[in-house]
Amino acid sequence: MSANTRPIISMTGITKIYNVGGEEVRALDDANLTIHEGEFVSIVGPSGSGKSTLMNIIGCLDVADSGEYILDGQSIEQYSEEELARIRNRKIGFIFQNFNLLSRMTALGNVELPLIYQRIRLGERKERANEALERVGLKDRSSHRPAELSGGQQQRVAIARALATNPAILLADEPTGNLDSKTGEDIIALFHELHRAGDTIVLITHNEEIAKQAERRIRIMDGHVSEVGA
């Protein structure tokens, strides 16, 4: 890590408590986490470890009960749903296990979607969407609909959609979970390419082998966050 990179994610004392059947469950318990610009970090933990809660807070889909979260220099607290949605759209490129593509739209149309929400004019939108598809090696499939693409190609379209907004971080939730092992390896190789090009990647997984692919591993267990190998 070079000394001049700045923190993109800075979490201090993040706690999230749920009430389940009258019992208090500390999904996150005083969690601290710092991720710098240009890092490729995996967050690994079994089901029920607090992984999803941490991802939702990183992705501004939920807010902590206490603690401080600074995303790309912006403190995330006291925000309305509308403001959080705006931050999500500008700062975070989401990549999901199920791809979340719209079946009636072409690959290009799917990649353009977040740019439409940002009210980017048509010419620039097409240009940025085509560039993003080129980065994932799918420029020649831009007019295909999801049903005409393999699972790996659909995930590449989803990655292109995440890249199109030039987000502060790519947040990938079990991105290889619906793919066979060979296709999964191809997607991880693509993440390495994007990382080398300077993208900041946070990969959430329960799979230790996938987690080892990142340059840093964060483990979460019973709401406690720790660095692997630290």
Protein backbone atom coordinates (compact mmCIF):
# COMPACT_ATOMS: atom_id res chain seq x y z
CA MET A 1 0.00 0.00 0.00
CA SER A 2 1.51 3.32 -0.98
CA ALA A 3 1.41 5.96 1.72
CA ASN A 4 -0.31 8.51 -0.50
CA THR A 5 -3.57 6.61 -1.07
CA ARG A 6 -6.56 7.97 0.78
CA PRO A 7 -9.19 6.00 2.69
CA ILE A 8 -12.35 5.37 0.64
CA ILE A 9 -14.07 3.52 3.49
CA SER A 10 -13.50 4.41 7.11
CA MET A 11 -15.64 2.78 9.78
CA THR A 12 -15.18 3.37 13.49
CA GLY A 13 -17.16 1.64 16.23
CA ILE A 14 -19.95 0.54 13.89
CA THR A 15 -22.70 -1.30 15.79
CA LYS A 16 -25.99 -2.64 14.45
CA ILE A 17 -28.50 -4.36 16.72
CA TYR A 18 -31.60 -6.27 15.61
CA ASN A 19 -34.44 -7.46 17.78
CA VAL A 20 -35.24 -11.05 16.85
CA GLY A 21 -38.07 -12.76 18.77
CA GLY A 22 -37.56 -10.42 21.71
CA GLU A 23 -33.81 -11.09 21.80
CA GLU A 24 -31.12 -8.56 21.00
CA VAL A 25 -28.78 -9.68 18.20
CA ARG A 26 -25.62 -7.65 17.67
CA ALA A 27 -25.16 -8.14 13.91
CA LEU A 28 -22.17 -5.77 14.05
CA ASP A 29 -20.37 -5.19 17.32
CA ASP A 30 -18.06 -2.17 17.47
CA ALA A 31 -16.64 -2.89 14.00
CA ASN A 32 -13.68 -0.92 12.64
CA LEU A 33 -12.65 -1.07 9.00
CA THR A 34 -10.49 1.04 6.69
CA ILE A 35 -10.17 0.44 2.95
CA HIS A 36 -7.92 2.65 0.84
CA GLU A 37 -8.29 3.83 -2.71
CA GLY A 38 -7.15 1.19 -5.21
CA GLU A 39 -7.31 -1.77 -2.81
CA PHE A 40 -8.84 -5.17 -3.60
CA VAL A 41 -10.31 -6.42 -0.32
CA SER A 42 -12.43 -9.48 0.45
CA ILE A 43 -14.78 -9.70 3.41
CA VAL A 44 -15.26 -13.36 4.32
CA GLY A 45 -17.53 -15.03 6.83
CA PRO A 46 -20.14 -17.78 7.13
CA SER A 47 -23.89 -17.28 6.93
CA GLY A 48 -25.13 -15.36 9.98
CA SER A 49 -21.73 -13.78 10.71
CA GLY A 50 -22.89 -10.19 10.05
CA LYS A 51 -21.51 -10.15 6.51
CA SER A 52 -24.78 -9.00 4.88
CA THR A 53 -25.30 -6.30 7.51
CA LEU A 54 -21.77 -5.00 6.93
CA MET A 55 -22.33 -5.03 3.16
CA ASN A 56 -25.62 -3.16 3.51
CA ILE A 57 -23.97 -0.47 5.61
CA ILE A 58 -20.96 -0.16 3.26
CA GLY A 59 -23.43 0.08 0.35
CA CYS A 60 -25.62 2.70 2.11
CA LEU A 61 -28.59 0.32 1.96
CA ASP A 62 -28.79 0.54 5.76
CA VAL A 63 -27.32 2.76 8.47
CA ALA A 64 -25.58 1.81 11.71
CA ASP A 65 -27.15 2.31 15.14
CA SER A 66 -23.90 3.84 16.38
CA GLY A 67 -20.37 4.56 15.20
CA GLU A 68 -19.07 6.59 12.28
CA TYR A 69 -18.93 5.66 8.59
CA ILE A 70 -17.08 7.91 6.14
CA LEU A 71 -17.43 6.96 2.46
CA ASP A 72 -15.14 8.76 0.01
CA GLY A 73 -14.80 11.70 2.40
CA GLN A 74 -18.54 11.91 3.14
CA SER A 75 -19.92 11.08 6.58
CA ILE A 76 -22.90 8.70 6.21
CA GLU A 77 -25.34 9.49 8.99
CA GLN A 78 -28.54 11.45 9.41
CA TYR A 79 -29.32 11.00 5.73
CA SER A 80 -32.79 10.62 4.30
CA GLU A 81 -33.60 7.60 2.10
CA GLU A 82 -33.49 9.88 -0.92
CA GLU A 83 -30.02 11.22 -0.05
CA LEU A 84 -28.72 7.69 0.59
CA ALA A 85 -30.08 6.61 -2.81
CA ARG A 86 -28.20 9.49 -4.46
CA ILE A 87 -24.95 8.55 -2.68
CA ARG A 88 -25.41 4.89 -3.67
CA ASN A 89 -25.93 5.82 -7.30
CA ARG A 90 -22.83 8.01 -7.47
CA LYS A 91 -20.32 6.33 -5.19
CA ILE A 92 -21.04 2.59 -5.31
CA GLY A 93 -21.04 0.13 -8.20
CA PHE A 94 -23.04 -2.89 -7.03
CA ILE A 95 -22.39 -6.37 -8.45
CA PHE A 96 -24.84 -9.05 -7.32
CA GLN A 97 -24.84 -12.85 -7.30
CA ASN A 98 -28.02 -12.90 -9.42
CA PHE A 99 -26.77 -10.27 -11.92
CA ASN A 100 -30.04 -8.22 -11.56
CA LEU A 101 -30.27 -7.43 -15.27
CA LEU A 102 -33.52 -6.32 -16.90
CA SER A 103 -34.53 -9.08 -19.32
CA ARG A 104 -36.21 -6.83 -21.90
CA MET A 105 -33.21 -4.54 -22.27
CA THR A 106 -30.03 -5.13 -24.26
CA ALA A 107 -26.63 -5.35 -22.58
CA LEU A 108 -26.02 -1.72 -23.56
CA GLY A 109 -29.41 -0.66 -22.16
CA ASN A 110 -28.71 -2.39 -18.85
CA VAL A 111 -25.31 -0.68 -18.55
CA GLU A 112 -26.88 2.71 -19.33
CA LEU A 113 -29.49 2.46 -16.56
CA PRO A 114 -27.57 4.05 -13.66
CA LEU A 115 -26.48 6.86 -16.01
CA ILE A 116 -30.14 7.57 -16.82
CA TYR A 117 -30.76 7.97 -13.06
CA GLN A 118 -27.85 10.40 -12.98
CA ARG A 119 -29.48 12.34 -15.85
CA ILE A 120 -26.40 11.98 -18.07
CA ARG A 121 -27.18 13.18 -21.61
CA LEU A 122 -27.72 10.53 -24.28
CA GLY A 123 -24.44 10.90 -26.21
CA GLU A 124 -22.22 10.69 -23.14
CA ARG A 125 -24.36 7.87 -21.74
CA LYS A 126 -23.89 5.68 -24.83
CA GLU A 127 -20.17 6.46 -24.91
CA ARG A 128 -19.64 5.56 -21.24
CA ALA A 129 -21.76 2.40 -21.48
CA ASN A 130 -19.85 1.22 -24.57
CA GLU A 131 -16.52 1.94 -22.84
CA ALA A 132 -17.62 -0.08 -19.80
CA LEU A 133 -18.66 -3.03 -21.99
CA GLU A 134 -15.31 -2.84 -23.75
CA ARG A 135 -13.50 -3.00 -20.39
CA VAL A 136 -15.24 -6.30 -19.58
CA GLY A 137 -14.66 -7.72 -23.08
CA LEU A 138 -18.29 -7.60 -24.23
CA LYS A 139 -18.42 -4.71 -26.73
CA ASP A 140 -19.49 -7.19 -29.44
CA ARG A 141 -22.48 -8.34 -27.34
CA SER A 142 -23.93 -4.88 -26.66
CA SER A 143 -27.18 -5.54 -28.57
CA HIS A 144 -27.83 -8.95 -26.95
CA ARG A 145 -30.46 -9.40 -24.24
CA PRO A 146 -29.64 -11.31 -21.03
CA ALA A 147 -31.37 -14.52 -22.26
CA GLU A 148 -28.96 -14.54 -25.23
CA LEU A 149 -25.90 -14.41 -22.95
CA SER A 150 -24.19 -17.05 -20.79
CA GLY A 151 -24.09 -16.66 -17.00
CA GLY A 152 -20.51 -15.39 -17.16
CA GLN A 153 -21.42 -12.86 -19.86
CA GLN A 154 -24.40 -11.66 -17.82
CA GLN A 155 -22.12 -11.10 -14.84
CA ARG A 156 -19.73 -9.14 -17.08
CA VAL A 157 -22.64 -6.93 -18.18
CA ALA A 158 -23.48 -6.41 -14.48
CA ILE A 159 -19.83 -5.45 -13.82
CA ALA A 160 -19.91 -3.04 -16.78
CA ARG A 161 -23.08 -1.46 -15.35
CA ALA A 162 -21.27 -1.00 -12.02
CA LEU A 163 -18.25 0.57 -13.78
CA ALA A 164 -20.28 2.98 -15.94
CA THR A 165 -20.82 5.55 -13.18
CA ASN A 166 -17.09 5.70 -12.27
CA PRO A 167 -17.92 4.80 -8.65
CA ALA A 168 -15.61 5.21 -5.66
CA ILE A 169 -15.90 1.45 -5.00
CA LEU A 170 -17.09 -1.71 -6.70
CA LEU A 171 -19.07 -3.70 -4.12
CA ALA A 172 -19.43 -7.32 -5.22
CA ASP A 173 -21.76 -9.62 -3.26
CA GLU A 174 -20.93 -13.32 -3.89
CA PRO A 175 -20.23 -12.43 -7.56
CA THR A 176 -19.27 -16.01 -8.51
CA GLY A 177 -22.05 -17.69 -6.49
CA ASN A 178 -24.22 -18.51 -9.52
CA LEU A 179 -21.37 -19.50 -11.84
CA ASP A 180 -19.49 -22.74 -12.46
CA SER A 181 -15.92 -22.81 -11.15
CA LYS A 182 -14.21 -22.07 -14.50
CA THR A 183 -16.51 -19.08 -15.21
CA GLY A 184 -16.04 -17.93 -11.61
CA GLU A 185 -12.25 -17.95 -12.13
CA ASP A 186 -12.71 -15.82 -15.27
CA ILE A 187 -14.74 -13.27 -13.29
CA ILE A 188 -12.08 -13.13 -10.53
CA ALA A 189 -9.42 -12.65 -13.25
CA LEU A 190 -11.49 -9.70 -14.53
CA PHE A 191 -11.53 -8.22 -10.99
CA HIS A 192 -7.72 -8.49 -10.92
CA GLU A 193 -7.59 -6.60 -14.25
CA LEU A 194 -9.88 -3.85 -12.92
CA HIS A 195 -7.82 -3.67 -9.72
CA ARG A 196 -4.60 -3.26 -11.72
CA ALA A 197 -6.33 -0.43 -13.62
CA GLY A 198 -6.92 1.35 -10.30
CA ASP A 199 -10.45 0.35 -9.27
CA THR A 200 -11.23 -0.13 -5.58
CA ILE A 201 -12.95 -3.49 -5.08
CA VAL A 202 -14.73 -4.90 -2.02
CA LEU A 203 -15.74 -8.54 -2.50
CA ILE A 204 -18.14 -10.17 -0.04
CA THR A 205 -18.01 -13.97 0.08
CA HIS A 206 -18.44 -17.05 2.28
CA ASN A 207 -15.88 -18.91 0.11
CA GLU A 208 -12.35 -18.94 1.57
CA GLU A 209 -10.75 -19.82 -1.81
CA ILE A 210 -12.40 -16.82 -3.49
CA ALA A 211 -11.51 -14.59 -0.51
CA LYS A 212 -7.82 -15.53 -0.84
CA GLN A 213 -7.77 -14.00 -4.33
CA ALA A 214 -7.92 -10.47 -2.88
CA GLU A 215 -4.81 -8.61 -1.70
CA ARG A 216 -6.36 -8.19 1.75
CA ARG A 217 -8.80 -10.39 3.65
CA ILE A 218 -11.16 -9.17 6.35
CA ARG A 219 -12.89 -11.82 8.44
CA ILE A 220 -16.25 -11.29 10.08
CA MET A 221 -17.53 -13.63 12.79
CA ASP A 222 -20.43 -13.00 15.20
CA GLY A 223 -20.40 -9.30 14.28
CA HIS A 224 -16.67 -8.90 15.00
CA VAL A 225 -14.41 -7.70 12.18
CA SER A 226 -10.71 -8.64 12.05
CA GLU A 227 -7.89 -8.59 9.53
CA VAL A 228 -6.69 -12.01 8.32
CA GLY A 229 -2.94 -12.34 8.79
CA ALA A 230 -2.64 -9.12 10.79
